[in-house]
N, C-alpha and C. Protein backbone atom coordinates (compact mmCIF):
# COMPACT_ATOMS: atom_id res chain seq x y z
N MET A 1 -1.60 0.29 25.70
CA MET A 1 -0.70 -0.88 25.22
C MET A 1 0.61 -0.33 24.22
N GLN A 2 1.57 -0.99 24.55
CA GLN A 2 2.77 -0.18 24.17
C GLN A 2 2.85 -0.88 22.55
N ALA A 3 3.30 0.25 21.72
CA ALA A 3 3.42 -0.10 20.26
C ALA A 3 4.51 -1.54 20.10
N PRO A 4 4.22 -2.36 19.35
CA PRO A 4 5.26 -3.17 18.98
C PRO A 4 6.38 -2.94 18.13
N SER A 5 7.63 -3.29 18.59
CA SER A 5 8.78 -2.86 17.67
C SER A 5 9.04 -4.20 16.82
N HIS A 6 8.11 -5.17 16.49
CA HIS A 6 8.35 -6.23 15.69
C HIS A 6 7.01 -6.51 14.97
N GLN A 7 7.14 -6.21 13.75
CA GLN A 7 5.64 -6.38 13.00
C GLN A 7 5.85 -6.80 11.69
N GLN A 8 4.83 -7.21 11.12
CA GLN A 8 4.85 -7.70 9.55
C GLN A 8 3.82 -7.00 9.01
N ILE A 9 3.81 -6.48 7.89
CA ILE A 9 2.57 -5.85 7.00
C ILE A 9 2.44 -6.11 5.86
N VAL A 10 1.55 -6.59 5.22
CA VAL A 10 1.21 -6.87 3.75
C VAL A 10 0.47 -5.70 3.18
N ILE A 11 0.79 -5.07 2.20
CA ILE A 11 -0.07 -3.82 1.39
C ILE A 11 -0.32 -4.49 0.16
N SER A 12 -1.59 -4.41 -0.39
CA SER A 12 -2.03 -5.08 -1.57
C SER A 12 -2.83 -3.89 -2.38
N GLY A 13 -2.91 -3.93 -3.74
CA GLY A 13 -3.77 -2.97 -4.39
C GLY A 13 -3.29 -3.25 -5.79
N VAL A 14 -3.79 -2.46 -6.71
CA VAL A 14 -3.22 -2.52 -7.97
C VAL A 14 -2.45 -1.21 -8.50
N GLY A 15 -1.77 -1.31 -9.79
CA GLY A 15 -1.00 -0.30 -10.24
C GLY A 15 -1.98 0.96 -10.18
N GLY A 16 -1.19 2.20 -9.81
CA GLY A 16 -1.59 3.51 -9.40
C GLY A 16 -2.33 3.68 -8.15
N GLN A 17 -2.69 2.82 -7.33
CA GLN A 17 -3.27 2.79 -6.10
C GLN A 17 -2.32 3.54 -5.18
N GLY A 18 -1.23 3.66 -5.11
CA GLY A 18 -0.20 4.14 -4.12
C GLY A 18 0.10 3.24 -3.28
N VAL A 19 0.25 2.02 -3.31
CA VAL A 19 0.66 0.88 -2.45
C VAL A 19 1.89 1.14 -2.10
N LEU A 20 2.90 1.62 -2.95
CA LEU A 20 4.50 1.83 -2.88
C LEU A 20 4.67 3.16 -1.90
N PHE A 21 3.77 4.02 -2.33
CA PHE A 21 3.52 5.24 -1.28
C PHE A 21 3.47 4.87 0.05
N VAL A 22 2.47 4.22 0.42
CA VAL A 22 2.03 3.79 1.86
C VAL A 22 2.97 3.05 2.50
N THR A 23 3.80 2.10 1.69
CA THR A 23 4.98 1.35 2.06
C THR A 23 5.89 2.32 2.51
N ARG A 24 6.45 3.18 1.62
CA ARG A 24 7.30 4.18 2.04
C ARG A 24 7.10 4.98 3.47
N LEU A 25 5.98 5.49 3.54
CA LEU A 25 5.19 6.01 4.56
C LEU A 25 5.58 5.66 5.82
N LEU A 26 5.21 4.38 5.68
CA LEU A 26 5.35 3.31 7.26
C LEU A 26 6.66 2.99 7.23
N ALA A 27 7.51 2.97 6.30
CA ALA A 27 8.95 2.46 6.50
C ALA A 27 9.62 3.61 7.16
N GLU A 28 9.35 4.94 6.56
CA GLU A 28 10.07 6.02 7.03
C GLU A 28 9.49 6.39 8.53
N ALA A 29 8.33 6.15 8.90
CA ALA A 29 7.72 6.34 10.17
C ALA A 29 8.58 5.29 11.23
N ALA A 30 8.69 4.11 10.88
CA ALA A 30 9.53 2.97 11.35
C ALA A 30 10.93 3.76 11.67
N ILE A 31 11.76 4.18 10.67
CA ILE A 31 12.95 4.56 10.84
C ILE A 31 12.95 5.78 11.90
N ALA A 32 12.24 6.61 11.73
CA ALA A 32 11.87 7.77 12.92
C ALA A 32 11.98 6.98 14.14
N LYS A 33 11.31 6.10 14.31
CA LYS A 33 11.29 5.40 15.66
C LYS A 33 12.32 4.74 16.00
N GLY A 34 13.48 4.40 15.07
CA GLY A 34 14.73 3.82 15.45
C GLY A 34 14.64 2.01 15.05
N LEU A 35 13.31 1.81 14.53
CA LEU A 35 13.38 0.37 14.31
C LEU A 35 13.97 0.03 12.76
N ALA A 36 14.27 -1.20 12.89
CA ALA A 36 14.80 -1.92 11.68
C ALA A 36 13.82 -2.06 10.63
N VAL A 37 14.16 -1.82 9.39
CA VAL A 37 13.07 -1.95 8.45
C VAL A 37 13.57 -2.83 7.34
N LEU A 38 12.94 -3.55 6.84
CA LEU A 38 13.11 -4.63 5.51
C LEU A 38 11.89 -4.32 4.54
N SER A 39 11.90 -4.02 3.46
CA SER A 39 10.69 -3.84 2.57
C SER A 39 10.86 -4.68 1.17
N SER A 40 9.99 -5.02 0.52
CA SER A 40 10.08 -5.67 -0.66
C SER A 40 8.69 -5.49 -1.44
N GLU A 41 8.59 -5.37 -2.82
CA GLU A 41 7.45 -5.40 -3.53
C GLU A 41 7.53 -6.09 -4.88
N THR A 42 6.30 -6.70 -5.18
CA THR A 42 5.88 -7.07 -6.71
C THR A 42 5.12 -6.38 -7.52
N HIS A 43 5.38 -6.04 -8.45
CA HIS A 43 4.48 -5.26 -9.29
C HIS A 43 3.88 -6.03 -10.43
N GLY A 44 3.79 -7.15 -10.76
CA GLY A 44 2.98 -7.71 -11.84
C GLY A 44 2.82 -6.80 -12.98
N MET A 45 1.64 -6.70 -13.46
CA MET A 45 1.38 -5.78 -14.70
C MET A 45 0.82 -4.58 -14.11
N ALA A 46 1.58 -3.94 -13.17
CA ALA A 46 1.02 -2.90 -12.44
C ALA A 46 0.42 -1.36 -13.17
N GLN A 47 1.39 -1.35 -14.32
CA GLN A 47 0.77 -0.29 -15.39
C GLN A 47 -0.35 -0.50 -16.01
N ARG A 48 -0.87 -1.64 -15.92
CA ARG A 48 -2.07 -2.15 -16.40
C ARG A 48 -3.12 -2.46 -15.57
N GLY A 49 -2.96 -2.11 -14.20
CA GLY A 49 -4.21 -2.37 -13.20
C GLY A 49 -3.83 -3.68 -12.75
N GLY A 50 -2.80 -4.26 -12.83
CA GLY A 50 -2.08 -5.53 -12.17
C GLY A 50 -2.03 -5.23 -10.68
N THR A 51 -1.88 -6.28 -10.21
CA THR A 51 -1.76 -6.39 -8.52
C THR A 51 -0.33 -5.88 -8.18
N VAL A 52 -0.29 -5.10 -7.14
CA VAL A 52 0.73 -4.79 -6.58
C VAL A 52 0.90 -5.06 -5.23
N LEU A 53 1.87 -5.73 -4.80
CA LEU A 53 2.10 -6.35 -3.41
C LEU A 53 3.21 -5.94 -2.90
N SER A 54 3.05 -5.46 -1.71
CA SER A 54 4.31 -4.85 -0.94
C SER A 54 4.29 -5.64 0.66
N HIS A 55 5.87 -5.99 0.92
CA HIS A 55 6.00 -6.54 2.25
C HIS A 55 7.00 -5.67 2.98
N LEU A 56 6.50 -5.48 4.35
CA LEU A 56 6.89 -4.56 4.94
C LEU A 56 7.38 -5.09 6.35
N LYS A 57 8.55 -5.49 6.85
CA LYS A 57 8.91 -5.92 8.07
C LYS A 57 9.58 -4.89 8.90
N LEU A 58 9.19 -5.10 10.30
CA LEU A 58 10.05 -3.98 11.22
C LEU A 58 10.56 -4.87 12.42
N GLY A 59 11.79 -4.90 12.45
CA GLY A 59 12.29 -5.45 13.67
C GLY A 59 13.49 -6.17 13.19
N ASP A 60 13.88 -7.26 13.83
CA ASP A 60 15.26 -8.14 13.38
C ASP A 60 14.88 -9.18 12.52
N PHE A 61 14.86 -8.88 11.41
CA PHE A 61 14.45 -9.96 10.30
C PHE A 61 15.82 -10.04 9.17
N SER A 62 16.12 -11.12 8.76
CA SER A 62 17.16 -11.39 7.65
C SER A 62 16.40 -11.39 6.08
N SER A 63 15.13 -11.55 6.03
CA SER A 63 14.77 -11.58 4.70
C SER A 63 13.22 -10.58 4.70
N PRO A 64 13.39 -9.88 3.65
CA PRO A 64 12.20 -9.00 3.34
C PRO A 64 10.83 -9.45 3.10
N LEU A 65 10.85 -10.75 2.55
CA LEU A 65 9.57 -11.28 2.29
C LEU A 65 8.94 -12.03 3.37
N ILE A 66 7.60 -11.71 3.44
CA ILE A 66 6.63 -12.26 4.52
C ILE A 66 6.35 -13.74 4.25
N ARG A 67 6.29 -14.56 4.93
CA ARG A 67 5.73 -15.77 4.86
C ARG A 67 4.51 -15.88 5.08
N PRO A 68 3.74 -16.97 4.38
CA PRO A 68 2.27 -17.39 4.86
C PRO A 68 2.17 -17.66 5.97
N GLU A 69 0.93 -16.83 6.78
CA GLU A 69 0.56 -16.94 8.09
C GLU A 69 1.63 -16.34 8.97
N HIS A 70 2.38 -15.15 8.76
CA HIS A 70 3.33 -14.52 9.59
C HIS A 70 3.01 -12.99 9.81
N ALA A 71 2.02 -12.48 8.85
CA ALA A 71 1.61 -11.09 8.76
C ALA A 71 1.08 -10.67 9.95
N ASP A 72 1.02 -9.75 10.49
CA ASP A 72 0.12 -8.78 11.58
C ASP A 72 -1.08 -8.16 10.79
N LEU A 73 -0.99 -7.67 9.65
CA LEU A 73 -2.04 -6.66 9.30
C LEU A 73 -1.95 -6.60 7.81
N LEU A 74 -2.93 -7.17 7.02
CA LEU A 74 -3.18 -6.82 5.57
C LEU A 74 -3.87 -5.62 5.08
N LEU A 75 -3.22 -4.73 4.58
CA LEU A 75 -3.94 -3.50 4.18
C LEU A 75 -4.25 -3.76 2.54
N ALA A 76 -5.59 -3.77 2.28
CA ALA A 76 -6.08 -4.20 1.15
C ALA A 76 -6.70 -2.97 0.30
N LEU A 77 -6.14 -2.28 -0.46
CA LEU A 77 -6.70 -1.28 -1.05
C LEU A 77 -7.78 -1.76 -2.15
N LYS A 78 -7.97 -2.88 -2.46
CA LYS A 78 -9.00 -3.57 -3.23
C LYS A 78 -9.56 -4.82 -2.70
N ALA A 79 -10.81 -4.99 -2.17
CA ALA A 79 -11.48 -6.11 -1.74
C ALA A 79 -11.09 -7.48 -2.12
N GLU A 80 -10.99 -7.30 -3.68
CA GLU A 80 -10.75 -8.73 -4.38
C GLU A 80 -9.18 -9.03 -3.96
N ASN A 81 -8.51 -8.39 -3.41
CA ASN A 81 -7.20 -8.76 -3.01
C ASN A 81 -7.19 -9.69 -1.76
N ILE A 82 -8.03 -9.71 -0.89
CA ILE A 82 -8.12 -10.59 -0.01
C ILE A 82 -8.03 -12.01 -0.11
N ALA A 83 -8.69 -12.26 -1.04
CA ALA A 83 -8.53 -13.45 -1.43
C ALA A 83 -7.16 -14.01 -1.92
N GLN A 84 -6.52 -13.18 -2.52
CA GLN A 84 -5.22 -13.57 -3.04
C GLN A 84 -4.31 -13.69 -1.66
N HIS A 85 -4.29 -12.53 -0.86
CA HIS A 85 -3.14 -12.68 0.08
C HIS A 85 -3.57 -12.52 1.48
N ALA A 86 -4.86 -12.88 1.88
CA ALA A 86 -5.16 -13.41 3.36
C ALA A 86 -4.39 -14.39 3.91
N ALA A 87 -3.81 -15.40 2.92
CA ALA A 87 -3.03 -16.45 3.60
C ALA A 87 -1.88 -16.04 4.25
N PHE A 88 -1.39 -14.64 4.07
CA PHE A 88 -0.22 -14.20 4.53
C PHE A 88 -0.40 -14.02 6.10
N LEU A 89 -1.64 -13.70 6.53
CA LEU A 89 -1.99 -13.44 7.77
C LEU A 89 -1.65 -14.58 9.07
N LYS A 90 -1.21 -14.13 9.87
CA LYS A 90 -1.41 -15.04 11.20
C LYS A 90 -2.61 -15.33 11.76
N PRO A 91 -2.78 -16.26 12.51
CA PRO A 91 -4.34 -16.62 12.85
C PRO A 91 -4.88 -15.46 13.65
N ASP A 92 -4.09 -14.41 14.29
CA ASP A 92 -4.50 -13.36 15.05
C ASP A 92 -4.27 -12.10 14.11
N GLY A 93 -4.02 -11.93 13.03
CA GLY A 93 -3.84 -10.98 12.09
C GLY A 93 -5.13 -10.43 11.62
N TRP A 94 -4.86 -9.20 11.42
CA TRP A 94 -6.24 -8.63 10.84
C TRP A 94 -6.09 -7.96 9.46
N ILE A 95 -7.16 -7.31 8.92
CA ILE A 95 -7.49 -6.93 7.78
C ILE A 95 -8.16 -5.48 7.72
N ALA A 96 -7.38 -4.49 7.02
CA ALA A 96 -8.32 -3.01 6.89
C ALA A 96 -8.29 -3.22 5.36
N VAL A 97 -9.65 -3.06 4.80
CA VAL A 97 -9.74 -3.11 3.50
C VAL A 97 -10.73 -1.95 2.85
N ASN A 98 -10.48 -1.70 1.60
CA ASN A 98 -11.17 -0.69 1.09
C ASN A 98 -12.25 -1.34 0.41
N ALA A 99 -13.62 -1.18 1.02
CA ALA A 99 -14.73 -2.06 0.60
C ALA A 99 -16.05 -1.39 1.52
N ALA A 100 -17.04 -1.40 1.03
CA ALA A 100 -18.30 -0.83 1.40
C ALA A 100 -18.81 -1.74 2.95
N ALA A 101 -18.41 -2.98 2.91
CA ALA A 101 -18.56 -3.96 3.74
C ALA A 101 -17.55 -4.90 4.05
N ALA A 102 -17.42 -5.68 5.17
CA ALA A 102 -16.28 -6.50 5.15
C ALA A 102 -16.41 -7.75 4.27
N ALA A 103 -15.40 -7.98 3.31
CA ALA A 103 -15.17 -8.75 2.49
C ALA A 103 -15.29 -10.06 2.72
N GLY A 104 -15.71 -11.27 1.82
CA GLY A 104 -15.46 -12.57 2.01
C GLY A 104 -14.08 -13.11 1.91
N ASN A 105 -13.82 -14.39 1.81
CA ASN A 105 -12.47 -14.93 1.62
C ASN A 105 -11.30 -14.34 2.80
N SER A 106 -11.76 -13.84 3.97
CA SER A 106 -10.82 -13.21 4.85
C SER A 106 -10.15 -14.38 5.81
N GLY A 107 -10.75 -15.49 5.49
CA GLY A 107 -10.10 -16.59 6.17
C GLY A 107 -10.46 -16.44 7.81
N GLY A 108 -11.52 -16.18 8.14
CA GLY A 108 -11.98 -15.72 9.43
C GLY A 108 -11.34 -14.83 10.16
N HIS A 109 -10.32 -14.02 9.65
CA HIS A 109 -9.64 -12.64 10.25
C HIS A 109 -10.45 -11.84 10.53
N CYS A 110 -10.28 -11.10 11.58
CA CYS A 110 -10.76 -9.85 11.94
C CYS A 110 -10.58 -8.80 10.95
N THR A 111 -11.65 -8.51 10.07
CA THR A 111 -11.63 -7.60 9.07
C THR A 111 -12.60 -6.19 9.44
N ARG A 112 -11.92 -4.94 9.33
CA ARG A 112 -12.45 -3.76 9.38
C ARG A 112 -12.35 -3.14 7.93
N ALA A 113 -13.58 -2.63 7.49
CA ALA A 113 -13.78 -2.28 6.02
C ALA A 113 -14.23 -0.70 5.93
N LEU A 114 -13.91 -0.10 5.18
CA LEU A 114 -14.17 1.30 4.93
C LEU A 114 -14.38 1.46 3.53
N ASP A 115 -15.38 2.30 2.76
CA ASP A 115 -15.39 2.44 1.39
C ASP A 115 -14.72 3.65 1.28
N ALA A 116 -13.33 3.54 1.04
CA ALA A 116 -12.36 4.68 0.76
C ALA A 116 -12.68 5.19 -0.52
N ASP A 117 -12.97 4.41 -1.50
CA ASP A 117 -13.54 5.22 -2.66
C ASP A 117 -14.47 6.07 -2.79
N ARG A 118 -15.55 5.77 -1.91
CA ARG A 118 -16.56 6.76 -1.86
C ARG A 118 -16.12 8.01 -0.96
N LEU A 119 -15.40 7.87 0.13
CA LEU A 119 -14.88 8.92 0.76
C LEU A 119 -13.86 9.71 -0.11
N ALA A 120 -12.75 9.17 -0.85
CA ALA A 120 -12.04 9.98 -1.69
C ALA A 120 -12.84 10.93 -2.65
N ARG A 121 -13.91 10.23 -3.28
CA ARG A 121 -14.80 11.02 -4.25
C ARG A 121 -15.54 12.08 -3.41
N ARG A 122 -15.83 12.11 -2.24
CA ARG A 122 -16.58 13.13 -1.23
C ARG A 122 -15.48 14.23 -1.10
N LEU A 123 -14.17 13.78 -1.11
CA LEU A 123 -13.12 14.84 -0.88
C LEU A 123 -12.83 15.46 -1.83
N ALA A 124 -13.17 14.89 -3.18
CA ALA A 124 -13.04 15.58 -4.41
C ALA A 124 -11.32 15.16 -4.70
N ASN A 125 -10.93 14.13 -4.26
CA ASN A 125 -9.52 13.45 -3.95
C ASN A 125 -9.54 12.12 -4.42
N PRO A 126 -10.02 11.55 -5.80
CA PRO A 126 -9.88 10.23 -5.90
C PRO A 126 -8.78 9.49 -5.87
N ARG A 127 -7.42 9.97 -5.86
CA ARG A 127 -6.41 9.31 -5.71
C ARG A 127 -5.86 9.38 -4.35
N ALA A 128 -7.00 9.64 -3.30
CA ALA A 128 -6.41 9.76 -2.06
C ALA A 128 -6.89 8.41 -1.12
N VAL A 129 -7.31 7.59 -1.98
CA VAL A 129 -7.75 6.20 -1.51
C VAL A 129 -6.53 5.46 -0.36
N ASN A 130 -5.51 5.70 -0.99
CA ASN A 130 -4.50 5.11 -0.13
C ASN A 130 -4.21 5.70 1.33
N LEU A 131 -4.33 6.80 1.33
CA LEU A 131 -3.85 7.75 2.47
C LEU A 131 -5.32 7.67 3.64
N ILE A 132 -6.35 7.41 2.65
CA ILE A 132 -7.72 7.31 3.63
C ILE A 132 -7.61 6.03 4.29
N LEU A 133 -7.21 4.89 3.49
CA LEU A 133 -7.41 3.54 4.17
C LEU A 133 -6.35 3.54 5.10
N LEU A 134 -5.31 4.15 5.01
CA LEU A 134 -4.02 4.05 6.06
C LEU A 134 -4.57 4.71 7.43
N GLY A 135 -5.01 5.92 7.18
CA GLY A 135 -5.71 6.45 8.34
C GLY A 135 -6.72 5.74 9.08
N PHE A 136 -7.52 4.96 8.41
CA PHE A 136 -8.57 4.23 8.88
C PHE A 136 -7.81 2.97 9.66
N ALA A 137 -6.87 2.30 8.92
CA ALA A 137 -5.96 1.27 9.55
C ALA A 137 -5.31 1.85 10.86
N LEU A 138 -4.82 2.94 10.84
CA LEU A 138 -3.99 3.27 11.99
C LEU A 138 -5.09 3.68 13.40
N ALA A 139 -6.37 4.19 13.02
CA ALA A 139 -7.25 4.52 13.89
C ALA A 139 -7.90 2.94 14.28
N ALA A 140 -8.14 2.23 13.40
CA ALA A 140 -8.70 0.62 13.85
C ALA A 140 -7.67 -0.12 14.65
N GLY A 141 -6.42 0.16 14.39
CA GLY A 141 -5.26 -0.80 15.11
C GLY A 141 -5.00 -0.04 16.37
N ALA A 142 -5.45 1.10 16.69
CA ALA A 142 -5.42 1.65 18.00
C ALA A 142 -6.40 0.95 18.91
N LEU A 143 -7.57 0.53 18.63
CA LEU A 143 -8.69 -0.05 19.20
C LEU A 143 -8.40 -1.34 19.96
N PRO A 144 -8.28 -1.49 21.16
CA PRO A 144 -8.08 -2.98 21.55
C PRO A 144 -9.36 -3.68 21.52
N ALA A 145 -9.05 -4.72 20.58
CA ALA A 145 -10.26 -5.81 20.28
C ALA A 145 -9.67 -6.99 19.68
N GLU A 146 -10.44 -7.94 19.96
CA GLU A 146 -10.24 -9.30 19.21
C GLU A 146 -8.69 -9.53 19.32
N GLY A 147 -7.97 -9.21 20.50
CA GLY A 147 -6.43 -9.61 20.42
C GLY A 147 -5.62 -8.92 19.23
N ARG A 148 -6.05 -7.89 18.80
CA ARG A 148 -5.41 -7.20 17.77
C ARG A 148 -4.09 -6.48 18.28
N LYS A 149 -3.29 -6.84 17.44
CA LYS A 149 -2.07 -6.12 17.80
C LYS A 149 -1.82 -5.03 17.23
N PRO A 150 -1.43 -3.58 18.08
CA PRO A 150 -1.57 -2.40 17.52
C PRO A 150 -0.37 -2.04 16.45
N LEU A 151 -0.78 -1.28 15.65
CA LEU A 151 0.33 -0.72 14.65
C LEU A 151 1.51 -0.28 15.60
N PHE A 152 2.67 -0.35 14.89
CA PHE A 152 3.91 0.15 15.51
C PHE A 152 4.01 1.94 15.63
N CYS A 153 3.08 2.49 14.57
CA CYS A 153 2.95 4.00 14.72
C CYS A 153 1.52 4.46 14.76
N ASP A 154 1.57 5.78 14.81
CA ASP A 154 0.25 6.09 14.90
C ASP A 154 0.00 7.33 13.94
N LEU A 155 -1.03 7.89 14.08
CA LEU A 155 -1.69 8.96 13.12
C LEU A 155 -0.43 10.07 13.04
N ALA A 156 0.08 10.52 14.14
CA ALA A 156 0.92 11.48 14.39
C ALA A 156 2.19 11.40 13.55
N ASP A 157 2.79 9.97 13.71
CA ASP A 157 3.92 9.55 13.23
C ASP A 157 3.70 9.56 11.57
N ILE A 158 2.59 9.36 11.08
CA ILE A 158 2.46 9.45 9.59
C ILE A 158 2.39 10.90 9.12
N GLN A 159 1.61 11.67 10.04
CA GLN A 159 1.47 13.05 9.64
C GLN A 159 3.09 13.47 9.61
N SER A 160 3.85 13.40 10.59
CA SER A 160 5.27 13.84 10.35
C SER A 160 6.03 13.43 9.34
N VAL A 161 5.68 12.58 8.75
CA VAL A 161 6.30 11.93 7.76
C VAL A 161 5.94 12.57 6.49
N LEU A 162 4.66 12.83 6.34
CA LEU A 162 3.93 13.51 5.19
C LEU A 162 4.53 15.01 5.14
N GLN A 163 4.50 15.45 6.37
CA GLN A 163 4.98 16.83 6.57
C GLN A 163 6.63 16.93 5.93
N LYS A 164 7.38 16.16 6.27
CA LYS A 164 8.54 16.15 5.66
C LYS A 164 8.69 15.76 4.26
N ARG A 165 7.87 14.87 3.72
CA ARG A 165 7.84 14.42 2.37
C ARG A 165 7.37 15.58 1.44
N LEU A 166 6.16 16.14 1.96
CA LEU A 166 5.37 17.11 1.08
C LEU A 166 5.36 18.43 1.77
N GLY A 167 6.19 18.89 2.61
CA GLY A 167 6.08 20.29 3.12
C GLY A 167 6.39 21.34 2.12
N ALA A 168 7.03 20.94 1.14
CA ALA A 168 7.55 22.10 0.01
C ALA A 168 6.22 22.28 -0.82
N THR A 169 5.34 21.56 -0.96
CA THR A 169 4.30 21.71 -1.91
C THR A 169 2.90 21.72 -0.75
N PRO A 170 2.43 22.95 -0.31
CA PRO A 170 1.44 22.97 0.77
C PRO A 170 0.10 22.48 0.15
N ALA A 171 -0.40 22.58 -0.98
CA ALA A 171 -1.53 22.18 -1.34
C ALA A 171 -1.50 20.85 -1.26
N LEU A 172 -0.62 20.05 -1.70
CA LEU A 172 -0.34 18.74 -1.65
C LEU A 172 -0.46 18.20 -0.33
N LEU A 173 0.24 18.59 0.44
CA LEU A 173 0.48 18.19 1.80
C LEU A 173 -1.03 18.49 2.72
N GLN A 174 -1.72 19.55 2.51
CA GLN A 174 -3.05 19.68 2.91
C GLN A 174 -3.89 18.42 2.43
N ASP A 175 -3.90 18.10 1.03
CA ASP A 175 -4.77 17.16 0.52
C ASP A 175 -4.53 15.78 1.31
N ALA A 176 -3.02 15.58 1.59
CA ALA A 176 -2.80 14.36 1.97
C ALA A 176 -3.04 14.17 3.61
N LEU A 177 -2.98 15.45 4.15
CA LEU A 177 -3.24 15.33 5.72
C LEU A 177 -4.69 15.28 5.72
N GLY A 178 -5.42 15.87 5.07
CA GLY A 178 -7.21 15.70 5.07
C GLY A 178 -7.45 14.37 4.69
N ALA A 179 -6.82 13.76 3.75
CA ALA A 179 -7.44 12.15 3.45
C ALA A 179 -6.95 11.47 4.59
N LEU A 180 -5.90 11.50 5.11
CA LEU A 180 -5.42 10.76 6.36
C LEU A 180 -6.39 10.98 7.50
N ALA A 181 -6.70 12.07 7.74
CA ALA A 181 -7.66 12.42 8.86
C ALA A 181 -8.89 11.94 8.48
N ALA A 182 -9.61 12.12 7.34
CA ALA A 182 -10.58 11.59 7.07
C ALA A 182 -10.96 10.00 7.02
N GLY A 183 -9.78 9.27 6.88
CA GLY A 183 -9.93 7.92 7.42
C GLY A 183 -9.74 7.50 8.61
N ALA A 184 -9.04 8.42 9.44
CA ALA A 184 -9.13 8.05 10.73
C ALA A 184 -10.18 8.41 11.56
N ALA A 185 -11.14 9.28 10.97
CA ALA A 185 -12.39 9.75 11.60
C ALA A 185 -13.51 8.73 11.30
N ALA A 186 -13.34 7.92 10.18
CA ALA A 186 -14.15 7.04 9.75
C ALA A 186 -14.74 6.23 10.78
N PRO A 187 -15.87 5.58 11.03
CA PRO A 187 -16.18 4.80 11.82
C PRO A 187 -15.83 3.29 11.42
N THR A 188 -15.35 2.75 12.43
CA THR A 188 -14.90 1.28 11.95
C THR A 188 -16.01 0.04 11.59
N ALA A 189 -16.16 -0.16 10.60
CA ALA A 189 -17.21 -1.27 10.22
C ALA A 189 -16.69 -2.72 10.27
N ARG A 190 -17.44 -3.59 10.41
CA ARG A 190 -16.80 -5.10 10.49
C ARG A 190 -17.24 -5.72 9.21
């Protein structure tokens, strides 16, 4: 299946989880593919652990904000954020969530869960939850199931962006690539 050139993604978490970093990685991967990109974020009380929400639109759009029932994917770095942001999803949209099991309040959307916190602790890299979940979403999005639209990019695209961004700091790059790969290798849970 060919990767779409028109996609809307909502990334949700709390301050300090790397929501904006993941958004930038995805935006840079889209730009490298020659796609038009719009993004927007809200920070709330991010410095105090409040919600951070990022909108990423790929393709011919005139506004960076995603309207309710228009997102293809919700990448939720905290399970609690599904209740707040699942309304952004299209009826056939799906969720990749950092949770031990598929969280409730998904509005009936296909939900793939990974305990990224546990995996990050096992990697001795607790700040890598965002990259672990991104790797997981890239792998889960590549699986043809439930009519899910594949992501516009793949693991190699994000690895390339990480190489460009972090290439000057080899240890940081290796940690980032390891976290991304660990997420991609994790089994997809419902």
